[in-house]
PDB file of N, CA and C in Angstrom:
ATOM      1  N   MET A   1    -421.788 159.145  -0.201  1.00  0.00           N
ATOM      2  CA  MET A   1    -422.157 158.962   1.299  1.00  0.00           C
ATOM      3  C   MET A   1    -422.244 157.026   1.515  1.00  0.00           C
ATOM      4  N   HIS A   2    -421.692 156.817   2.752  1.00  0.00           N
ATOM      5  CA  HIS A   2    -421.777 155.205   2.169  1.00  0.00           C
ATOM      6  C   HIS A   2    -421.955 155.153   4.070  1.00  0.00           C
ATOM      7  N   LEU A   3    -422.628 153.652   3.945  1.00  0.00           N
ATOM      8  CA  LEU A   3    -423.143 152.954   4.606  1.00  0.00           C
ATOM      9  C   LEU A   3    -422.347 152.637   5.259  1.00  0.00           C
ATOM     10  N   GLY A   4    -422.412 152.015   7.232  1.00  0.00           N
ATOM     11  CA  GLY A   4    -421.747 151.004   7.456  1.00  0.00           C
ATOM     12  C   GLY A   4    -422.276 150.996   9.537  1.00  0.00           C
ATOM     13  N   THR A   5    -421.263 150.740   9.930  1.00  0.00           N
ATOM     14  CA  THR A   5    -421.660 150.182  10.280  1.00  0.00           C
ATOM     15  C   THR A   5    -420.700 150.395  11.624  1.00  0.00           C
ATOM     16  N   VAL A   6    -420.460 150.451  13.257  1.00  0.00           N
ATOM     17  CA  VAL A   6    -418.951 151.487  13.440  1.00  0.00           C
ATOM     18  C   VAL A   6    -419.159 149.746  14.695  1.00  0.00           C
ATOM     19  N   ILE A   7    -417.938 149.795  14.650  1.00  0.00           N
ATOM     20  CA  ILE A   7    -416.953 147.972  15.272  1.00  0.00           C
ATOM     21  C   ILE A   7    -416.444 148.609  15.539  1.00  0.00           C
ATOM     22  N   GLY A   8    -415.133 149.402  16.517  1.00  0.00           N
ATOM     23  CA  GLY A   8    -414.801 149.878  17.649  1.00  0.00           C
ATOM     24  C   GLY A   8    -414.033 151.192  18.063  1.00  0.00           C
ATOM     25  N   ASN A   9    -413.200 151.409  18.507  1.00  0.00           N
ATOM     26  CA  ASN A   9    -413.425 152.792  18.715  1.00  0.00           C
ATOM     27  C   ASN A   9    -411.796 153.016  18.200  1.00  0.00           C
ATOM     28  N   VAL A  10    -410.757 154.331  18.240  1.00  0.00           N
ATOM     29  CA  VAL A  10    -409.426 154.527  17.972  1.00  0.00           C
ATOM     30  C   VAL A  10    -409.172 155.472  19.112  1.00  0.00           C
ATOM     31  N   TRP A  11    -407.687 155.624  20.242  1.00  0.00           N
ATOM     32  CA  TRP A  11    -407.877 156.836  20.750  1.00  0.00           C
ATOM     33  C   TRP A  11    -406.674 156.910  20.275  1.00  0.00           C
ATOM     34  N   ALA A  12    -406.027 158.174  20.510  1.00  0.00           N
ATOM     35  CA  ALA A  12    -404.575 158.673  20.004  1.00  0.00           C
ATOM     36  C   ALA A  12    -404.591 159.720  21.318  1.00  0.00           C
ATOM     37  N   THR A  13    -403.602 159.826  21.648  1.00  0.00           N
ATOM     38  CA  THR A  13    -403.472 161.147  23.120  1.00  0.00           C
ATOM     39  C   THR A  13    -402.684 161.818  21.984  1.00  0.00           C
ATOM     40  N   LYS A  14    -402.264 162.013  21.432  1.00  0.00           N
ATOM     41  CA  LYS A  14    -401.379 162.470  20.770  1.00  0.00           C
ATOM     42  C   LYS A  14    -401.558 162.336  19.379  1.00  0.00           C
ATOM     43  N   LYS A  15    -401.943 163.976  18.751  1.00  0.00           N
ATOM     44  CA  LYS A  15    -402.107 163.868  16.896  1.00  0.00           C
ATOM     45  C   LYS A  15    -402.320 165.484  16.906  1.00  0.00           C
ATOM     46  N   GLU A  16    -403.001 165.562  16.029  1.00  0.00           N
ATOM     47  CA  GLU A  16    -402.442 167.215  15.028  1.00  0.00           C
ATOM     48  C   GLU A  16    -403.239 167.643  16.033  1.00  0.00           C
ATOM     49  N   GLU A  17    -402.930 169.392  16.124  1.00  0.00           N
ATOM     50  CA  GLU A  17    -403.508 169.421  16.728  1.00  0.00           C
ATOM     51  C   GLU A  17    -404.727 170.012  16.799  1.00  0.00           C
ATOM     52  N   GLU A  18    -405.006 170.206  15.418  1.00  0.00           N
ATOM     53  CA  GLU A  18    -406.726 170.205  14.669  1.00  0.00           C
ATOM     54  C   GLU A  18    -408.293 169.232  15.204  1.00  0.00           C
ATOM     55  N   LEU A  19    -406.383 168.392  15.585  1.00  0.00           N
ATOM     56  CA  LEU A  19    -407.962 167.265  15.736  1.00  0.00           C
ATOM     57  C   LEU A  19    -408.327 166.860  17.418  1.00  0.00           C
ATOM     58  N   ARG A  20    -407.599 167.097  17.820  1.00  0.00           N
ATOM     59  CA  ARG A  20    -407.621 167.021  19.590  1.00  0.00           C
ATOM     60  C   ARG A  20    -409.791 167.524  19.706  1.00  0.00           C
ATOM     61  N   GLY A  21    -410.214 166.945  21.139  1.00  0.00           N
ATOM     62  CA  GLY A  21    -411.187 167.218  20.640  1.00  0.00           C
ATOM     63  C   GLY A  21    -412.077 165.961  19.582  1.00  0.00           C
ATOM     64  N   LEU A  22    -411.741 165.474  18.444  1.00  0.00           N
ATOM     65  CA  LEU A  22    -412.172 164.415  17.695  1.00  0.00           C
ATOM     66  C   LEU A  22    -412.331 163.211  18.735  1.00  0.00           C
ATOM     67  N   LYS A  23    -413.440 162.219  18.105  1.00  0.00           N
ATOM     68  CA  LYS A  23    -413.374 161.243  18.300  1.00  0.00           C
ATOM     69  C   LYS A  23    -413.179 160.299  17.132  1.00  0.00           C
ATOM     70  N   PHE A  24    -412.663 159.201  17.272  1.00  0.00           N
ATOM     71  CA  PHE A  24    -412.430 158.532  15.870  1.00  0.00           C
ATOM     72  C   PHE A  24    -412.663 157.285  16.162  1.00  0.00           C
ATOM     73  N   LEU A  25    -413.693 156.301  15.300  1.00  0.00           N
ATOM     74  CA  LEU A  25    -414.342 155.099  15.081  1.00  0.00           C
ATOM     75  C   LEU A  25    -414.194 154.376  14.730  1.00  0.00           C
ATOM     76  N   ILE A  26    -413.873 153.031  14.492  1.00  0.00           N
ATOM     77  CA  ILE A  26    -413.491 152.390  13.328  1.00  0.00           C
ATOM     78  C   ILE A  26    -414.675 151.702  12.808  1.00  0.00           C
ATOM     79  N   ILE A  27    -415.226 152.326  10.893  1.00  0.00           N
ATOM     80  CA  ILE A  27    -416.270 151.760   9.917  1.00  0.00           C
ATOM     81  C   ILE A  27    -416.469 151.017   9.601  1.00  0.00           C
ATOM     82  N   GLN A  28    -417.064 149.781   9.266  1.00  0.00           N
ATOM     83  CA  GLN A  28    -416.855 148.372   9.120  1.00  0.00           C
ATOM     84  C   GLN A  28    -417.383 148.695   7.580  1.00  0.00           C
ATOM     85  N   PRO A  29    -417.931 149.439   6.428  1.00  0.00           N
ATOM     86  CA  PRO A  29    -418.846 150.055   5.270  1.00  0.00           C
ATOM     87  C   PRO A  29    -419.416 149.061   5.207  1.00  0.00           C
ATOM     88  N   LYS A  30    -420.954 148.547   4.767  1.00  0.00           N
ATOM     89  CA  LYS A  30    -422.000 148.107   4.373  1.00  0.00           C
ATOM     90  C   LYS A  30    -422.769 147.628   2.842  1.00  0.00           C
ATOM     91  N   LEU A  31    -423.934 147.135   2.709  1.00  0.00           N
ATOM     92  CA  LEU A  31    -424.056 146.769   1.222  1.00  0.00           C
ATOM     93  C   LEU A  31    -425.511 147.511   2.075  1.00  0.00           C
ATOM     94  N   PRO A  32    -426.505 148.180   1.393  1.00  0.00           N
ATOM     95  CA  PRO A  32    -428.530 148.149   1.918  1.00  0.00           C
ATOM     96  C   PRO A  32    -428.542 147.516   2.551  1.00  0.00           C
ATOM     97  N   ASN A  33    -428.405 145.533   2.102  1.00  0.00           N
ATOM     98  CA  ASN A  33    -428.786 144.447   2.528  1.00  0.00           C
ATOM     99  C   ASN A  33    -427.860 144.548   3.827  1.00  0.00           C
ATOM    100  N   GLY A  34    -426.489 145.311   4.370  1.00  0.00           N
ATOM    101  CA  GLY A  34    -425.858 144.589   5.238  1.00  0.00           C
ATOM    102  C   GLY A  34    -425.184 143.679   5.653  1.00  0.00           C
ATOM    103  N   SER A  35    -424.878 143.280   4.273  1.00  0.00           N
ATOM    104  CA  SER A  35    -423.519 142.499   4.144  1.00  0.00           C
ATOM    105  C   SER A  35    -422.569 143.588   4.098  1.00  0.00           C
ATOM    106  N   ASP A  36    -420.878 142.494   4.091  1.00  0.00           N
ATOM    107  CA  ASP A  36    -419.685 143.545   4.832  1.00  0.00           C
ATOM    108  C   ASP A  36    -419.404 144.232   2.233  1.00  0.00           C
ATOM    109  N   VAL A  37    -418.831 145.244   2.817  1.00  0.00           N
ATOM    110  CA  VAL A  37    -418.055 145.537   1.526  1.00  0.00           C
ATOM    111  C   VAL A  37    -416.753 146.007   1.407  1.00  0.00           C
ATOM    112  N   ASP A  38    -415.846 145.850   1.345  1.00  0.00           N
ATOM    113  CA  ASP A  38    -414.242 147.033   1.178  1.00  0.00           C
ATOM    114  C   ASP A  38    -413.801 146.180   2.390  1.00  0.00           C
ATOM    115  N   SER A  39    -413.392 146.879   3.644  1.00  0.00           N
ATOM    116  CA  SER A  39    -411.937 146.888   4.107  1.00  0.00           C
ATOM    117  C   SER A  39    -412.637 147.723   5.873  1.00  0.00           C
ATOM    118  N   ALA A  40    -412.763 147.742   6.556  1.00  0.00           N
ATOM    119  CA  ALA A  40    -412.794 148.456   7.832  1.00  0.00           C
ATOM    120  C   ALA A  40    -411.544 149.604   7.532  1.00  0.00           C
ATOM    121  N   TYR A  41    -412.555 151.160   8.081  1.00  0.00           N
ATOM    122  CA  TYR A  41    -411.271 152.534   8.451  1.00  0.00           C
ATOM    123  C   TYR A  41    -411.886 153.461   9.114  1.00  0.00           C
ATOM    124  N   ILE A  42    -411.147 154.500   9.189  1.00  0.00           N
ATOM    125  CA  ILE A  42    -411.161 155.716  10.473  1.00  0.00           C
ATOM    126  C   ILE A  42    -412.203 156.596   9.912  1.00  0.00           C
ATOM    127  N   ALA A  43    -413.392 157.147  11.052  1.00  0.00           N
ATOM    128  CA  ALA A  43    -413.672 158.280  10.512  1.00  0.00           C
ATOM    129  C   ALA A  43    -414.173 158.789  12.185  1.00  0.00           C
ATOM    130  N   VAL A  44    -413.803 160.245  11.996  1.00  0.00           N
ATOM    131  CA  VAL A  44    -414.567 160.998  12.636  1.00  0.00           C
ATOM    132  C   VAL A  44    -416.041 160.965  13.380  1.00  0.00           C
ATOM    133  N   ASP A  45    -416.019 161.613  14.728  1.00  0.00           N
ATOM    134  CA  ASP A  45    -417.255 161.247  15.203  1.00  0.00           C
ATOM    135  C   ASP A  45    -417.421 162.988  15.611  1.00  0.00           C
ATOM    136  N   ARG A  46    -418.384 163.299  14.868  1.00  0.00           N
ATOM    137  CA  ARG A  46    -419.099 164.330  16.519  1.00  0.00           C
ATOM    138  C   ARG A  46    -420.675 164.737  16.669  1.00  0.00           C
ATOM    139  N   ILE A  47    -421.006 162.854  16.583  1.00  0.00           N
ATOM    140  CA  ILE A  47    -422.423 163.161  16.720  1.00  0.00           C
ATOM    141  C   ILE A  47    -422.709 161.845  17.515  1.00  0.00           C
ATOM    142  N   GLY A  48    -422.025 161.452  18.329  1.00  0.00           N
ATOM    143  CA  GLY A  48    -422.190 160.498  19.262  1.00  0.00           C
ATOM    144  C   GLY A  48    -422.330 159.452  18.796  1.00  0.00           C
ATOM    145  N   ALA A  49    -421.682 158.452  18.031  1.00  0.00           N
ATOM    146  CA  ALA A  49    -422.151 156.827  17.336  1.00  0.00           C
ATOM    147  C   ALA A  49    -421.587 156.266  18.260  1.00  0.00           C
ATOM    148  N   GLY A  50    -422.437 155.197  18.202  1.00  0.00           N
ATOM    149  CA  GLY A  50    -420.725 154.105  19.152  1.00  0.00           C
ATOM    150  C   GLY A  50    -421.046 152.898  18.729  1.00  0.00           C
ATOM    151  N   VAL A  51    -420.338 151.927  19.184  1.00  0.00           N
ATOM    152  CA  VAL A  51    -420.209 150.575  18.364  1.00  0.00           C
ATOM    153  C   VAL A  51    -421.523 150.572  18.525  1.00  0.00           C
ATOM    154  N   GLY A  52    -421.594 148.993  17.546  1.00  0.00           N
ATOM    155  CA  GLY A  52    -423.084 148.674  16.947  1.00  0.00           C
ATOM    156  C   GLY A  52    -423.817 149.386  16.536  1.00  0.00           C
ATOM    157  N   ASP A  53    -424.065 151.183  16.331  1.00  0.00           N
ATOM    158  CA  ASP A  53    -424.245 151.963  15.181  1.00  0.00           C
ATOM    159  C   ASP A  53    -424.008 151.881  14.145  1.00  0.00           C
ATOM    160  N   LYS A  54    -425.550 151.593  13.501  1.00  0.00           N
ATOM    161  CA  LYS A  54    -425.456 151.520  11.403  1.00  0.00           C
ATOM    162  C   LYS A  54    -425.045 153.560  11.458  1.00  0.00           C
ATOM    163  N   VAL A  55    -424.204 153.962  10.579  1.00  0.00           N
ATOM    164  CA  VAL A  55    -424.162 155.232  10.457  1.00  0.00           C
ATOM    165  C   VAL A  55    -423.777 155.176   8.665  1.00  0.00           C
ATOM    166  N   MET A  56    -424.036 156.872   8.492  1.00  0.00           N
ATOM    167  CA  MET A  56    -424.006 157.119   7.168  1.00  0.00           C
ATOM    168  C   MET A  56    -422.215 158.215   7.546  1.00  0.00           C
ATOM    169  N   VAL A  57    -421.696 157.565   6.569  1.00  0.00           N
ATOM    170  CA  VAL A  57    -420.087 158.202   6.529  1.00  0.00           C
ATOM    171  C   VAL A  57    -420.527 158.838   5.328  1.00  0.00           C
ATOM    172  N   THR A  58    -419.524 160.416   5.545  1.00  0.00           N
ATOM    173  CA  THR A  58    -418.837 160.935   3.376  1.00  0.00           C
ATOM    174  C   THR A  58    -417.426 161.644   3.871  1.00  0.00           C
ATOM    175  N   LYS A  59    -417.038 161.313   2.258  1.00  0.00           N
ATOM    176  CA  LYS A  59    -415.433 160.727   2.512  1.00  0.00           C
ATOM    177  C   LYS A  59    -414.667 161.860   1.244  1.00  0.00           C
ATOM    178  N   GLY A  60    -413.728 162.004   1.623  1.00  0.00           N
ATOM    179  CA  GLY A  60    -412.709 163.167   0.912  1.00  0.00           C
ATOM    180  C   GLY A  60    -412.606 164.423   0.984  1.00  0.00           C
ATOM    181  N   SER A  61    -413.495 165.337   0.378  1.00  0.00           N
ATOM    182  CA  SER A  61    -412.721 166.509   0.527  1.00  0.00           C
ATOM    183  C   SER A  61    -414.387 167.341   1.556  1.00  0.00           C
ATOM    184  N   SER A  62    -415.161 166.777   1.596  1.00  0.00           N
ATOM    185  CA  SER A  62    -416.732 167.084   2.115  1.00  0.00           C
ATOM    186  C   SER A  62    -416.704 166.910   3.336  1.00  0.00           C
ATOM    187  N   ALA A  63    -415.655 165.637   4.382  1.00  0.00           N
ATOM    188  CA  ALA A  63    -415.170 165.771   5.920  1.00  0.00           C
ATOM    189  C   ALA A  63    -414.512 166.057   6.643  1.00  0.00           C
ATOM    190  N   ALA A  64    -412.657 166.948   5.278  1.00  0.00           N
ATOM    191  CA  ALA A  64    -411.553 167.722   5.771  1.00  0.00           C
ATOM    192  C   ALA A  64    -412.554 168.974   5.717  1.00  0.00           C
ATOM    193  N   SER A  65    -413.594 169.097   5.493  1.00  0.00           N
ATOM    194  CA  SER A  65    -414.166 170.605   5.778  1.00  0.00           C
ATOM    195  C   SER A  65    -414.997 171.143   6.635  1.00  0.00           C
ATOM    196  N   ILE A  66    -415.753 170.412   7.657  1.00  0.00           N
ATOM    197  CA  ILE A  66    -416.630 170.458   8.878  1.00  0.00           C
ATOM    198  C   ILE A  66    -416.055 171.621   9.343  1.00  0.00           C
ATOM    199  N   VAL A  67    -414.660 172.319   9.642  1.00  0.00           N
ATOM    200  CA  VAL A  67    -415.274 173.558   9.895  1.00  0.00           C
ATOM    201  C   VAL A  67    -414.392 174.422   8.580  1.00  0.00           C
ATOM    202  N   SER A  68    -415.444 175.711   9.370  1.00  0.00           N
ATOM    203  CA  SER A  68    -415.416 176.776   7.764  1.00  0.00           C
ATOM    204  C   SER A  68    -414.312 176.854   7.102  1.00  0.00           C
ATOM    205  N   ASP A  69    -413.163 177.612   8.698  1.00  0.00           N
ATOM    206  CA  ASP A  69    -411.980 178.031   8.180  1.00  0.00           C
ATOM    207  C   ASP A  69    -410.755 177.562   7.630  1.00  0.00           C
ATOM    208  N   ILE A  70    -411.177 175.887   8.011  1.00  0.00           N
ATOM    209  CA  ILE A  70    -409.960 175.072   7.770  1.00  0.00           C
ATOM    210  C   ILE A  70    -410.199 174.023   7.260  1.00  0.00           C
ATOM    211  N   ARG A  71    -409.360 173.419   6.718  1.00  0.00           N
ATOM    212  CA  ARG A  71    -409.286 171.726   6.148  1.00  0.00           C
ATOM    213  C   ARG A  71    -408.925 171.168   7.114  1.00  0.00           C
ATOM    214  N   LEU A  72    -409.352 169.584   7.871  1.00  0.00           N
ATOM    215  CA  LEU A  72    -409.157 168.750   8.798  1.00  0.00           C
ATOM    216  C   LEU A  72    -408.293 168.459   7.740  1.00  0.00           C
ATOM    217  N   PRO A  73    -407.014 167.112   8.772  1.00  0.00           N
ATOM    218  CA  PRO A  73    -406.533 166.245   7.868  1.00  0.00           C
ATOM    219  C   PRO A  73    -407.482 164.848   8.259  1.00  0.00           C
ATOM    220  N   ILE A  74    -408.301 164.633   7.314  1.00  0.00           N
ATOM    221  CA  ILE A  74    -409.704 164.083   7.767  1.00  0.00           C
ATOM    222  C   ILE A  74    -409.985 163.544   6.403  1.00  0.00           C
ATOM    223  N   ASP A  75    -410.584 161.414   6.301  1.00  0.00           N
ATOM    224  CA  ASP A  75    -411.082 161.284   5.092  1.00  0.00           C
ATOM    225  C   ASP A  75    -412.228 161.267   5.008  1.00  0.00           C
ATOM    226  N   ALA A  76    -412.894 160.896   6.636  1.00  0.00           N
ATOM    227  CA  ALA A  76    -413.718 160.215   6.377  1.00  0.00           C
ATOM    228  C   ALA A  76    -414.782 161.129   7.786  1.00  0.00           C
ATOM    229  N   LEU A  77    -416.226 161.130   7.986  1.00  0.00           N
ATOM    230  CA  LEU A  77    -417.202 161.868   8.669  1.00  0.00           C
ATOM    231  C   LEU A  77    -418.251 160.913   9.460  1.00  0.00           C
ATOM    232  N   ILE A  78    -418.949 160.741   9.981  1.00  0.00           N
ATOM    233  CA  ILE A  78    -419.496 160.414  10.232  1.00  0.00           C
ATOM    234  C   ILE A  78    -421.360 160.984  10.106  1.00  0.00           C
ATOM    235  N   ILE A  79    -422.075 161.362   9.501  1.00  0.00           N
ATOM    236  CA  ILE A  79    -423.052 162.535   9.349  1.00  0.00           C
ATOM    237  C   ILE A  79    -423.993 162.223   9.195  1.00  0.00           C
ATOM    238  N   GLY A  80    -424.147 161.292  10.097  1.00  0.00           N
ATOM    239  CA  GLY A  80    -425.681 160.341  10.475  1.00  0.00           C
ATOM    240  C   GLY A  80    -426.033 159.193  11.013  1.00  0.00           C
ATOM    241  N   ILE A  81    -426.700 159.068  12.155  1.00  0.00           N
ATOM    242  CA  ILE A  81    -427.156 158.084  12.722  1.00  0.00           C
ATOM    243  C   ILE A  81    -428.034 157.424  12.355  1.00  0.00           C
ATOM    244  N   ILE A  82    -427.920 156.038  11.733  1.00  0.00           N
ATOM    245  CA  ILE A  82    -429.041 155.597  10.754  1.00  0.00           C
ATOM    246  C   ILE A  82    -430.396 154.693  11.688  1.00  0.00           C
ATOM    247  N   ASP A  83    -431.748 154.999  11.702  1.00  0.00           N
ATOM    248  CA  ASP A  83    -432.278 154.726  12.222  1.00  0.00           C
ATOM    249  C   ASP A  83    -432.926 153.129  11.976  1.00  0.00           C
ATOM    250  N   SER A  84    -433.055 153.665  10.122  1.00  0.00           N
ATOM    251  CA  SER A  84    -433.699 152.434   9.668  1.00  0.00           C
ATOM    252  C   SER A  84    -433.352 152.615   7.980  1.00  0.00           C
ATOM    253  N   ILE A  85    -433.174 151.387   7.391  1.00  0.00           N
ATOM    254  CA  ILE A  85    -432.951 150.880   5.504  1.00  0.00           C
ATOM    255  C   ILE A  85    -434.276 150.618   4.974  1.00  0.00           C
ATOM    256  N   ASP A  86    -434.747 151.046   4.510  1.00  0.00           N
ATOM    257  CA  ASP A  86    -435.556 150.758   3.468  1.00  0.00           C
ATOM    258  C   ASP A  86    -436.146 150.519   1.869  1.00  0.00           C
ATOM    259  N   VAL A  87    -435.765 148.982   1.159  1.00  0.00           N
ATOM    260  CA  VAL A  87    -434.822 149.056   0.370  1.00  0.00           C
ATOM    261  C   VAL A  87    -435.738 148.330  -0.261  1.00  0.00           C
ATOM    262  N   GLU A  88    -436.574 148.712  -1.897  1.00  0.00           N
ATOM    263  CA  GLU A  88    -436.938 148.169  -2.834  1.00  0.00           C
ATOM    264  C   GLU A  88    -436.049 147.938  -4.310  1.00  0.00           C
ATOM    265  N   ARG A  89    -436.546 146.853  -4.406  1.00  0.00           N
ATOM    266  CA  ARG A  89    -435.756 146.576  -4.953  1.00  0.00           C
ATOM    267  C   ARG A  89    -436.722 146.685  -6.972  1.00  0.00           C
ATOM    268  N   VAL A  90    -436.227 147.380  -8.005  1.00  0.00           N
ATOM    269  CA  VAL A  90    -437.255 147.187  -8.806  1.00  0.00           C
ATOM    270  C   VAL A  90    -436.476 146.371 -10.666  1.00  0.00           C
ATOM    271  N   ASP A  91    -437.038 145.231 -10.763  1.00  0.00           N
ATOM    272  CA  ASP A  91    -435.910 143.991 -12.345  1.00  0.00           C
ATOM    273  C   ASP A  91    -436.879 144.354 -12.850  1.00  0.00           C
TER     274      ASP A  91
END
């Protein structure tokens, strides 16, 4: 799983049949301290996240398997909207 912040929306009126009805959001990956890491990417959202929300994202085969009988052509799926993050560092 990865942490990130929703920074935008993607609208695509023409897309693969299996992707109809799915919402696409742009995610900026973040470290637990809130600093950016890596480049932004697109993730599918089925839980109602919006711009500014901190989210948990799964990537790869887990994301593509959101429908049990077919594998969707997606790489990333938002699986949670984060309420808070508490990190304790032990040195």
